[in-house]
N, C-alpha and C. Protein backbone atom coordinates (compact mmCIF):
# COMPACT_ATOMS: atom_id res chain seq x y z
N MET A 1 8.42 3.10 -9.16
CA MET A 1 7.47 2.51 -8.67
C MET A 1 6.93 2.63 -9.78
N LYS A 2 6.63 1.58 -10.67
CA LYS A 2 5.59 1.12 -11.76
C LYS A 2 4.95 -0.28 -12.03
N THR A 3 4.19 -0.11 -13.01
CA THR A 3 3.49 -0.80 -12.75
C THR A 3 4.34 -2.83 -13.35
N ASP A 4 4.33 -3.94 -12.62
CA ASP A 4 5.06 -4.56 -12.50
C ASP A 4 5.94 -5.27 -11.84
N ASP A 5 6.69 -3.91 -11.51
CA ASP A 5 7.55 -3.77 -10.71
C ASP A 5 7.16 -4.96 -9.64
N MET A 6 8.54 -5.97 -8.94
CA MET A 6 7.97 -6.76 -8.17
C MET A 6 8.84 -6.55 -6.54
N TYR A 7 8.10 -6.67 -5.74
CA TYR A 7 8.94 -6.64 -3.91
C TYR A 7 9.07 -7.94 -3.35
N ILE A 8 9.87 -7.91 -2.40
CA ILE A 8 9.22 -9.07 -1.57
C ILE A 8 9.63 -8.64 -0.15
N LYS A 9 8.24 -8.63 0.45
CA LYS A 9 8.44 -8.73 1.70
C LYS A 9 9.13 -9.01 3.31
N LYS A 10 9.63 -8.04 3.96
CA LYS A 10 10.92 -7.99 4.74
C LYS A 10 10.68 -9.59 5.60
N ASN A 11 9.65 -8.63 5.89
CA ASN A 11 8.94 -9.76 7.08
C ASN A 11 8.64 -11.62 7.20
N ASN A 12 8.36 -11.70 6.04
CA ASN A 12 8.01 -13.06 6.01
C ASN A 12 9.00 -13.18 4.05
N ASN A 13 8.73 -12.24 3.59
CA ASN A 13 9.35 -13.12 2.05
C ASN A 13 8.86 -13.21 1.31
N GLU A 14 7.07 -13.18 1.32
CA GLU A 14 6.31 -12.98 0.12
C GLU A 14 6.26 -12.32 -0.99
N SER A 15 6.27 -12.33 -2.16
CA SER A 15 6.74 -11.81 -3.53
C SER A 15 5.21 -11.16 -4.17
N PHE A 16 5.53 -9.96 -3.84
CA PHE A 16 3.95 -8.95 -4.86
C PHE A 16 4.79 -8.39 -5.92
N VAL A 17 3.25 -8.38 -6.90
CA VAL A 17 3.86 -7.33 -7.83
C VAL A 17 2.76 -6.26 -8.18
N GLN A 18 3.50 -4.97 -8.55
CA GLN A 18 2.44 -3.82 -8.29
C GLN A 18 1.79 -4.16 -9.57
N GLN A 19 0.57 -2.98 -9.19
CA GLN A 19 -0.36 -3.58 -10.07
C GLN A 19 -0.83 -1.22 -10.33
N GLY A 20 -0.81 -0.96 -11.47
CA GLY A 20 -1.06 -0.07 -12.25
C GLY A 20 0.03 1.09 -11.52
N GLU A 21 -0.02 2.44 -11.80
CA GLU A 21 0.79 3.39 -11.04
C GLU A 21 0.27 4.10 -9.34
N THR A 22 0.85 5.05 -9.37
CA THR A 22 0.94 5.27 -7.66
C THR A 22 -0.11 6.14 -7.68
N PHE A 23 -1.20 6.32 -6.95
CA PHE A 23 -2.07 6.68 -6.49
C PHE A 23 -2.16 7.42 -5.05
N THR A 24 -3.62 7.97 -4.79
CA THR A 24 -3.68 9.07 -3.69
C THR A 24 -5.20 8.61 -3.59
N LYS A 25 -4.36 8.14 -1.83
CA LYS A 25 -5.82 7.51 -1.05
C LYS A 25 -5.43 7.44 0.53
N ARG A 26 -7.09 7.93 0.99
CA ARG A 26 -6.82 8.58 2.47
C ARG A 26 -7.49 7.03 3.00
N PHE A 27 -6.08 7.08 4.61
CA PHE A 27 -5.92 5.91 5.03
C PHE A 27 -6.74 6.28 6.04
N LEU A 28 -7.46 5.37 6.75
CA LEU A 28 -7.89 5.76 8.03
C LEU A 28 -7.47 4.42 9.45
N ASP A 29 -7.80 5.14 10.28
CA ASP A 29 -7.64 3.87 11.62
C ASP A 29 -9.12 4.03 12.52
N ARG A 30 -8.85 3.29 13.72
CA ARG A 30 -9.87 3.88 14.82
C ARG A 30 -10.35 5.04 14.68
N GLN A 31 -9.09 5.44 15.39
CA GLN A 31 -9.58 7.21 15.85
C GLN A 31 -10.34 7.84 14.86
N ASP A 32 -10.38 7.89 13.30
CA ASP A 32 -10.57 8.24 12.20
C ASP A 32 -11.95 7.99 12.58
N HIS A 33 -12.54 6.57 12.65
CA HIS A 33 -13.95 6.16 12.13
C HIS A 33 -14.55 6.58 13.51
N ASP A 34 -14.48 6.46 14.72
CA ASP A 34 -14.62 7.54 15.62
C ASP A 34 -14.75 9.14 15.12
N MET A 35 -13.83 9.84 15.12
CA MET A 35 -14.67 10.99 14.56
C MET A 35 -15.61 11.02 13.34
N ILE A 36 -15.48 10.22 12.23
CA ILE A 36 -16.56 10.02 11.48
C ILE A 36 -17.64 9.74 11.75
N ASP A 37 -17.66 9.12 13.12
CA ASP A 37 -19.00 8.74 13.37
C ASP A 37 -20.00 9.51 14.60
N ALA A 38 -18.89 10.50 14.95
CA ALA A 38 -19.26 12.37 15.71
C ALA A 38 -19.10 13.07 15.11
N GLY A 39 -19.23 12.38 13.56
CA GLY A 39 -19.64 13.30 13.06
C GLY A 39 -18.69 14.86 12.25
N MET A 40 -17.50 14.43 12.69
CA MET A 40 -16.13 14.90 11.64
C MET A 40 -15.45 14.45 10.66
N ASP A 41 -16.34 13.89 9.92
CA ASP A 41 -15.39 12.95 9.11
C ASP A 41 -14.25 14.02 7.58
N GLU A 42 -14.48 15.51 7.79
CA GLU A 42 -13.92 16.14 6.63
C GLU A 42 -12.56 16.14 7.91
N TYR A 43 -12.97 15.87 8.85
CA TYR A 43 -11.17 15.96 9.44
C TYR A 43 -10.29 14.58 9.96
N ALA A 44 -11.24 13.56 9.19
CA ALA A 44 -10.32 12.33 9.57
C ALA A 44 -10.15 11.81 8.53
N GLY A 45 -8.55 10.58 8.72
CA GLY A 45 -7.60 10.05 8.03
C GLY A 45 -6.85 10.80 7.79
N VAL A 46 -5.35 10.38 6.87
CA VAL A 46 -5.02 10.79 6.25
C VAL A 46 -4.56 10.12 4.44
N TYR A 47 -4.45 11.46 3.59
CA TYR A 47 -3.92 11.51 2.47
C TYR A 47 -2.56 10.99 2.14
N ALA A 48 -2.63 10.29 1.40
CA ALA A 48 -0.58 9.83 1.12
C ALA A 48 -0.93 8.76 -0.72
N SER A 49 0.04 8.83 -0.27
CA SER A 49 0.56 8.81 -2.35
C SER A 49 1.01 6.77 -1.89
N ALA A 50 0.21 5.15 -2.58
CA ALA A 50 0.01 4.26 -2.15
C ALA A 50 0.09 3.63 -3.48
N VAL A 51 0.41 2.61 -2.99
CA VAL A 51 0.53 1.43 -4.63
C VAL A 51 -0.58 0.54 -4.40
N LYS A 52 -0.93 -0.67 -5.67
CA LYS A 52 -1.21 -1.66 -5.17
C LYS A 52 -0.18 -2.98 -5.73
N LEU A 53 -0.21 -3.92 -4.71
CA LEU A 53 0.56 -4.83 -4.78
C LEU A 53 -0.38 -6.23 -4.41
N ILE A 54 -0.23 -7.12 -5.36
CA ILE A 54 -0.86 -8.24 -6.06
C ILE A 54 0.30 -10.02 -5.51
N SER A 55 -0.11 -10.23 -3.97
CA SER A 55 0.59 -11.67 -4.23
C SER A 55 0.57 -12.51 -4.91
N VAL A 56 2.14 -13.17 -5.59
CA VAL A 56 1.97 -13.34 -6.40
C VAL A 56 1.59 -14.87 -6.00
N LYS A 57 1.94 -15.71 -4.32
CA LYS A 57 1.49 -17.05 -4.23
C LYS A 57 0.26 -17.11 -4.26
N THR A 58 -0.65 -15.85 -3.14
CA THR A 58 -2.07 -16.06 -2.66
C THR A 58 -3.09 -15.28 -3.85
N GLY A 59 -2.67 -14.67 -4.42
CA GLY A 59 -3.53 -13.58 -5.26
C GLY A 59 -4.07 -12.42 -4.39
N ARG A 60 -3.69 -12.40 -3.15
CA ARG A 60 -4.88 -10.87 -1.96
C ARG A 60 -3.58 -10.09 -2.20
N VAL A 61 -4.67 -8.68 -2.39
CA VAL A 61 -4.61 -7.66 -2.93
C VAL A 61 -4.28 -6.92 -1.75
N VAL A 62 -3.29 -5.62 -1.42
CA VAL A 62 -2.96 -4.96 -0.62
C VAL A 62 -2.69 -3.56 -0.79
N ILE A 63 -2.86 -2.50 -0.34
CA ILE A 63 -2.71 -1.64 -0.92
C ILE A 63 -1.59 -0.69 0.28
N VAL A 64 -0.94 -0.37 -0.17
CA VAL A 64 0.62 0.45 0.80
C VAL A 64 0.87 1.58 0.18
N LYS A 65 1.34 2.61 1.27
CA LYS A 65 1.43 3.78 1.26
C LYS A 65 3.15 3.78 1.20
N CYS A 66 3.19 5.01 0.00
CA CYS A 66 4.38 4.62 -0.58
C CYS A 66 5.91 4.83 0.54
N SER A 67 5.42 5.43 1.81
CA SER A 67 6.33 5.77 2.22
C SER A 67 6.61 4.84 3.47
N GLU A 68 5.87 3.56 3.33
CA GLU A 68 6.04 2.60 3.98
C GLU A 68 6.39 1.40 3.10
N LEU A 69 6.21 1.28 1.75
CA LEU A 69 7.19 0.44 0.82
C LEU A 69 8.22 -0.17 1.06
N ASN A 70 9.37 1.20 1.20
CA ASN A 70 10.46 0.74 1.26
C ASN A 70 10.74 0.31 2.21
N ARG A 71 10.14 0.57 3.71
CA ARG A 71 10.45 0.85 4.81
C ARG A 71 10.45 -1.27 5.18
N ASN A 72 9.13 -1.94 4.36
CA ASN A 72 8.41 -3.46 4.80
C ASN A 72 9.01 -4.11 3.76
N PHE A 73 8.99 -3.11 2.30
CA PHE A 73 9.37 -4.18 1.16
C PHE A 73 10.97 -3.84 0.70
N THR A 74 11.47 -5.36 -0.39
CA THR A 74 12.72 -4.51 -0.96
C THR A 74 12.20 -5.10 -2.78
N LYS A 75 12.22 -4.17 -3.17
CA LYS A 75 12.19 -4.31 -4.45
C LYS A 75 12.82 -5.17 -5.27
N ILE A 76 12.74 -6.20 -6.07
CA ILE A 76 13.42 -6.74 -7.31
C ILE A 76 13.64 -6.20 -8.74
N ASN A 77 14.80 -6.31 -8.67
CA ASN A 77 15.24 -5.96 -10.01
C ASN A 77 15.56 -6.64 -10.66
N ILE A 78 14.92 -7.38 -11.54
CA ILE A 78 14.65 -8.17 -13.00
C ILE A 78 15.37 -7.17 -14.65
N ALA A 79 16.57 -8.41 -14.83
CA ALA A 79 16.76 -7.41 -16.21
C ALA A 79 15.88 -7.91 -17.54
N PRO A 80 15.20 -7.18 -18.25
CA PRO A 80 14.51 -7.28 -19.34
C PRO A 80 15.07 -8.21 -20.00
């Protein structure tokens, strides 16, 4: 996984280009927000490696966990 790698989303064939290298991100779901509201923010969320992908069609930016990248996307190998 490196800058300018291309991926196709498996469920809708949308193309994405990776922007930047992998980084660590804190992912929060609804229960985590409830914990934050209750004052337990240090226990909320999951830290995971992630990548930033940009849609070729719309320009929309999505941040995807690396563990979900191989499950939901197919990497396109382009010869130099």
